[in-house]
Amino acid sequence: MMEDKATAESAGAPPRGGCACMGAGPVISDMLRRLGPDEEVRRHFRAARIEFLKGIREIIDRRIGELSKETPHKGSKVVVE
């Protein structure tokens, strides 16, 4: 078992349980964050996303209202003493 680990390390493979990126993950994440839009642009896109979802909600609410009017209300009254 010890020989397998030594062979893997000498072959350039990360040790078992180690990260394949060999610690480069946080550096890459930071680089990608820097390439993205600044905070003002992010706020704008977030607000636009919220408004889009509100529009979808309005479409769904109207369709539910239309379907509710078409469906006859079935039921009966029950007197509870």
N, C-alpha and C. Protein backbone atom coordinates (compact mmCIF):
# COMPACT_ATOMS: atom_id res chain seq x y z
N MET A 1 0.84 -1.19 0.00
CA MET A 1 0.00 0.00 0.00
C MET A 1 0.88 1.25 0.00
N MET A 2 1.95 1.23 0.76
CA MET A 2 2.85 2.37 0.82
C MET A 2 3.53 2.59 -0.52
N GLU A 3 3.83 1.50 -1.23
CA GLU A 3 4.45 1.62 -2.53
C GLU A 3 3.52 2.30 -3.53
N ASP A 4 2.20 2.00 -3.45
CA ASP A 4 1.22 2.62 -4.35
C ASP A 4 1.20 4.13 -4.18
N LYS A 5 1.26 4.58 -2.93
CA LYS A 5 1.23 6.01 -2.65
C LYS A 5 2.48 6.68 -3.20
N ALA A 6 3.63 6.08 -2.98
CA ALA A 6 4.88 6.64 -3.46
C ALA A 6 4.90 6.67 -4.98
N THR A 7 4.37 5.63 -5.62
CA THR A 7 4.33 5.58 -7.08
C THR A 7 3.41 6.67 -7.62
N ALA A 8 2.25 6.85 -6.98
CA ALA A 8 1.30 7.87 -7.43
C ALA A 8 1.89 9.27 -7.29
N GLU A 9 2.61 9.51 -6.17
CA GLU A 9 3.20 10.82 -5.96
C GLU A 9 4.31 11.09 -6.97
N SER A 10 5.10 10.08 -7.26
CA SER A 10 6.20 10.29 -8.21
C SER A 10 5.68 10.45 -9.63
N ALA A 11 4.48 9.91 -9.91
CA ALA A 11 3.90 10.04 -11.24
C ALA A 11 3.19 11.38 -11.43
N GLY A 12 3.15 12.21 -10.40
CA GLY A 12 2.54 13.52 -10.51
C GLY A 12 1.08 13.53 -10.10
N ALA A 13 0.53 12.40 -9.69
CA ALA A 13 -0.87 12.34 -9.26
C ALA A 13 -0.96 12.88 -7.84
N PRO A 14 -2.06 13.52 -7.51
CA PRO A 14 -2.22 14.02 -6.15
C PRO A 14 -2.36 12.85 -5.18
N PRO A 15 -1.94 13.02 -3.94
CA PRO A 15 -2.10 11.94 -2.96
C PRO A 15 -3.58 11.70 -2.71
N ARG A 16 -3.91 10.50 -2.29
CA ARG A 16 -5.31 10.17 -2.01
C ARG A 16 -5.87 11.14 -0.99
N GLY A 17 -7.08 11.61 -1.28
CA GLY A 17 -7.71 12.56 -0.38
C GLY A 17 -7.30 14.00 -0.67
N GLY A 18 -6.27 14.19 -1.52
CA GLY A 18 -5.82 15.53 -1.86
C GLY A 18 -6.64 16.09 -3.01
N CYS A 19 -6.48 17.35 -3.26
CA CYS A 19 -7.22 18.01 -4.33
C CYS A 19 -6.44 17.89 -5.63
N ALA A 20 -7.14 17.58 -6.72
CA ALA A 20 -6.50 17.46 -8.02
C ALA A 20 -5.93 18.79 -8.50
N CYS A 21 -6.50 19.90 -8.05
CA CYS A 21 -6.00 21.21 -8.48
C CYS A 21 -4.76 21.62 -7.70
N MET A 22 -4.41 20.85 -6.70
CA MET A 22 -3.23 21.08 -5.87
C MET A 22 -3.21 22.49 -5.28
N GLY A 23 -4.37 22.95 -4.83
CA GLY A 23 -4.46 24.24 -4.16
C GLY A 23 -4.72 25.42 -5.07
N ALA A 24 -4.86 25.19 -6.37
CA ALA A 24 -5.07 26.29 -7.31
C ALA A 24 -6.53 26.73 -7.35
N GLY A 25 -7.43 25.98 -6.76
CA GLY A 25 -8.86 26.30 -6.79
C GLY A 25 -9.19 27.70 -6.32
N PRO A 26 -8.74 28.10 -5.13
CA PRO A 26 -9.05 29.46 -4.66
C PRO A 26 -8.46 30.55 -5.56
N VAL A 27 -7.30 30.31 -6.12
CA VAL A 27 -6.68 31.29 -7.01
C VAL A 27 -7.51 31.44 -8.28
N ILE A 28 -7.94 30.31 -8.84
CA ILE A 28 -8.77 30.35 -10.05
C ILE A 28 -10.11 31.02 -9.76
N SER A 29 -10.72 30.70 -8.61
CA SER A 29 -12.00 31.33 -8.25
C SER A 29 -11.85 32.84 -8.14
N ASP A 30 -10.77 33.29 -7.50
CA ASP A 30 -10.53 34.73 -7.36
C ASP A 30 -10.34 35.38 -8.73
N MET A 31 -9.60 34.71 -9.63
CA MET A 31 -9.37 35.25 -10.96
C MET A 31 -10.70 35.38 -11.72
N LEU A 32 -11.57 34.36 -11.63
CA LEU A 32 -12.85 34.41 -12.32
C LEU A 32 -13.75 35.51 -11.75
N ARG A 33 -13.68 35.71 -10.43
CA ARG A 33 -14.45 36.79 -9.80
C ARG A 33 -14.01 38.15 -10.33
N ARG A 34 -12.71 38.32 -10.53
CA ARG A 34 -12.18 39.59 -11.03
C ARG A 34 -12.57 39.84 -12.48
N LEU A 35 -12.75 38.77 -13.26
CA LEU A 35 -13.15 38.91 -14.65
C LEU A 35 -14.62 39.28 -14.81
N GLY A 36 -15.42 38.99 -13.77
CA GLY A 36 -16.86 39.23 -13.82
C GLY A 36 -17.19 40.71 -13.71
N PRO A 37 -18.48 41.00 -13.81
CA PRO A 37 -18.92 42.41 -13.73
C PRO A 37 -18.75 42.97 -12.32
N ASP A 38 -18.68 44.30 -12.24
CA ASP A 38 -18.54 44.93 -10.93
C ASP A 38 -19.87 44.89 -10.17
N GLU A 39 -19.85 45.36 -8.95
CA GLU A 39 -21.01 45.24 -8.05
C GLU A 39 -22.24 45.98 -8.57
N GLU A 40 -22.06 47.14 -9.18
CA GLU A 40 -23.20 47.90 -9.71
C GLU A 40 -23.92 47.12 -10.81
N VAL A 41 -23.15 46.50 -11.68
CA VAL A 41 -23.73 45.70 -12.77
C VAL A 41 -24.44 44.48 -12.19
N ARG A 42 -23.85 43.86 -11.20
CA ARG A 42 -24.48 42.70 -10.56
C ARG A 42 -25.82 43.09 -9.94
N ARG A 43 -25.90 44.24 -9.29
CA ARG A 43 -27.16 44.71 -8.70
C ARG A 43 -28.21 44.91 -9.78
N HIS A 44 -27.79 45.49 -10.90
CA HIS A 44 -28.72 45.72 -12.01
C HIS A 44 -29.27 44.39 -12.53
N PHE A 45 -28.40 43.41 -12.77
CA PHE A 45 -28.84 42.11 -13.26
C PHE A 45 -29.73 41.40 -12.25
N ARG A 46 -29.43 41.55 -10.98
CA ARG A 46 -30.26 40.93 -9.94
C ARG A 46 -31.66 41.55 -9.95
N ALA A 47 -31.72 42.86 -10.04
CA ALA A 47 -33.02 43.54 -10.08
C ALA A 47 -33.80 43.13 -11.33
N ALA A 48 -33.11 43.00 -12.45
CA ALA A 48 -33.77 42.58 -13.69
C ALA A 48 -34.31 41.16 -13.55
N ARG A 49 -33.55 40.29 -12.91
CA ARG A 49 -33.99 38.91 -12.69
C ARG A 49 -35.24 38.86 -11.82
N ILE A 50 -35.26 39.71 -10.79
CA ILE A 50 -36.42 39.77 -9.90
C ILE A 50 -37.64 40.25 -10.67
N GLU A 51 -37.49 41.29 -11.48
CA GLU A 51 -38.61 41.80 -12.27
C GLU A 51 -39.12 40.77 -13.27
N PHE A 52 -38.21 40.03 -13.88
CA PHE A 52 -38.61 38.97 -14.81
C PHE A 52 -39.45 37.92 -14.08
N LEU A 53 -39.00 37.51 -12.91
CA LEU A 53 -39.75 36.50 -12.14
C LEU A 53 -41.11 37.03 -11.69
N LYS A 54 -41.18 38.31 -11.35
CA LYS A 54 -42.48 38.91 -11.01
C LYS A 54 -43.42 38.87 -12.19
N GLY A 55 -42.90 39.10 -13.40
CA GLY A 55 -43.72 39.01 -14.60
C GLY A 55 -44.24 37.61 -14.82
N ILE A 56 -43.39 36.62 -14.64
CA ILE A 56 -43.81 35.21 -14.77
C ILE A 56 -44.89 34.90 -13.74
N ARG A 57 -44.70 35.40 -12.50
CA ARG A 57 -45.69 35.17 -11.44
C ARG A 57 -47.04 35.77 -11.83
N GLU A 58 -47.02 36.96 -12.44
CA GLU A 58 -48.27 37.61 -12.87
C GLU A 58 -48.97 36.77 -13.94
N ILE A 59 -48.21 36.25 -14.88
CA ILE A 59 -48.80 35.38 -15.92
C ILE A 59 -49.45 34.16 -15.29
N ILE A 60 -48.75 33.54 -14.36
CA ILE A 60 -49.29 32.34 -13.69
C ILE A 60 -50.54 32.69 -12.88
N ASP A 61 -50.49 33.80 -12.13
CA ASP A 61 -51.66 34.20 -11.33
C ASP A 61 -52.89 34.44 -12.21
N ARG A 62 -52.68 35.10 -13.33
CA ARG A 62 -53.82 35.36 -14.24
C ARG A 62 -54.38 34.06 -14.80
N ARG A 63 -53.49 33.13 -15.16
CA ARG A 63 -53.96 31.85 -15.70
C ARG A 63 -54.71 31.06 -14.63
N ILE A 64 -54.23 31.08 -13.40
CA ILE A 64 -54.94 30.41 -12.30
C ILE A 64 -56.31 31.03 -12.12
N GLY A 65 -56.40 32.36 -12.20
CA GLY A 65 -57.69 33.05 -12.08
C GLY A 65 -58.65 32.64 -13.18
N GLU A 66 -58.15 32.54 -14.41
CA GLU A 66 -59.00 32.12 -15.53
C GLU A 66 -59.50 30.69 -15.33
N LEU A 67 -58.61 29.80 -14.93
CA LEU A 67 -59.01 28.41 -14.73
C LEU A 67 -59.97 28.26 -13.56
N SER A 68 -59.81 29.09 -12.55
CA SER A 68 -60.70 29.02 -11.38
C SER A 68 -62.11 29.44 -11.75
N LYS A 69 -62.25 30.39 -12.65
CA LYS A 69 -63.58 30.85 -13.08
C LYS A 69 -64.27 29.77 -13.91
N GLU A 70 -63.51 29.03 -14.71
CA GLU A 70 -64.08 28.00 -15.57
C GLU A 70 -64.54 26.78 -14.79
N THR A 71 -63.91 26.48 -13.69
CA THR A 71 -64.23 25.28 -12.91
C THR A 71 -65.45 25.56 -12.04
N PRO A 72 -66.52 24.77 -12.22
CA PRO A 72 -67.68 24.97 -11.33
C PRO A 72 -67.32 24.51 -9.92
N HIS A 73 -67.81 25.28 -8.97
CA HIS A 73 -67.52 24.95 -7.58
C HIS A 73 -68.46 23.82 -7.13
N LYS A 74 -67.86 22.71 -6.80
CA LYS A 74 -68.64 21.59 -6.31
C LYS A 74 -68.47 21.52 -4.81
N GLY A 75 -69.50 21.13 -4.17
CA GLY A 75 -69.43 20.99 -2.73
C GLY A 75 -70.81 21.09 -2.13
N SER A 76 -70.87 20.87 -0.88
CA SER A 76 -72.16 20.96 -0.19
C SER A 76 -71.93 21.60 1.17
N LYS A 77 -72.98 22.15 1.67
CA LYS A 77 -72.92 22.78 2.99
C LYS A 77 -73.19 21.74 4.04
N VAL A 78 -72.44 21.80 5.09
CA VAL A 78 -72.62 20.88 6.20
C VAL A 78 -72.85 21.72 7.44
N VAL A 79 -73.92 21.43 8.15
CA VAL A 79 -74.24 22.13 9.37
C VAL A 79 -73.50 21.45 10.51
N VAL A 80 -72.73 22.22 11.23
CA VAL A 80 -71.98 21.69 12.37
C VAL A 80 -72.60 22.23 13.64
N GLU A 81 -72.94 21.31 14.52
CA GLU A 81 -73.57 21.74 15.79
C GLU A 81 -72.58 21.86 16.90
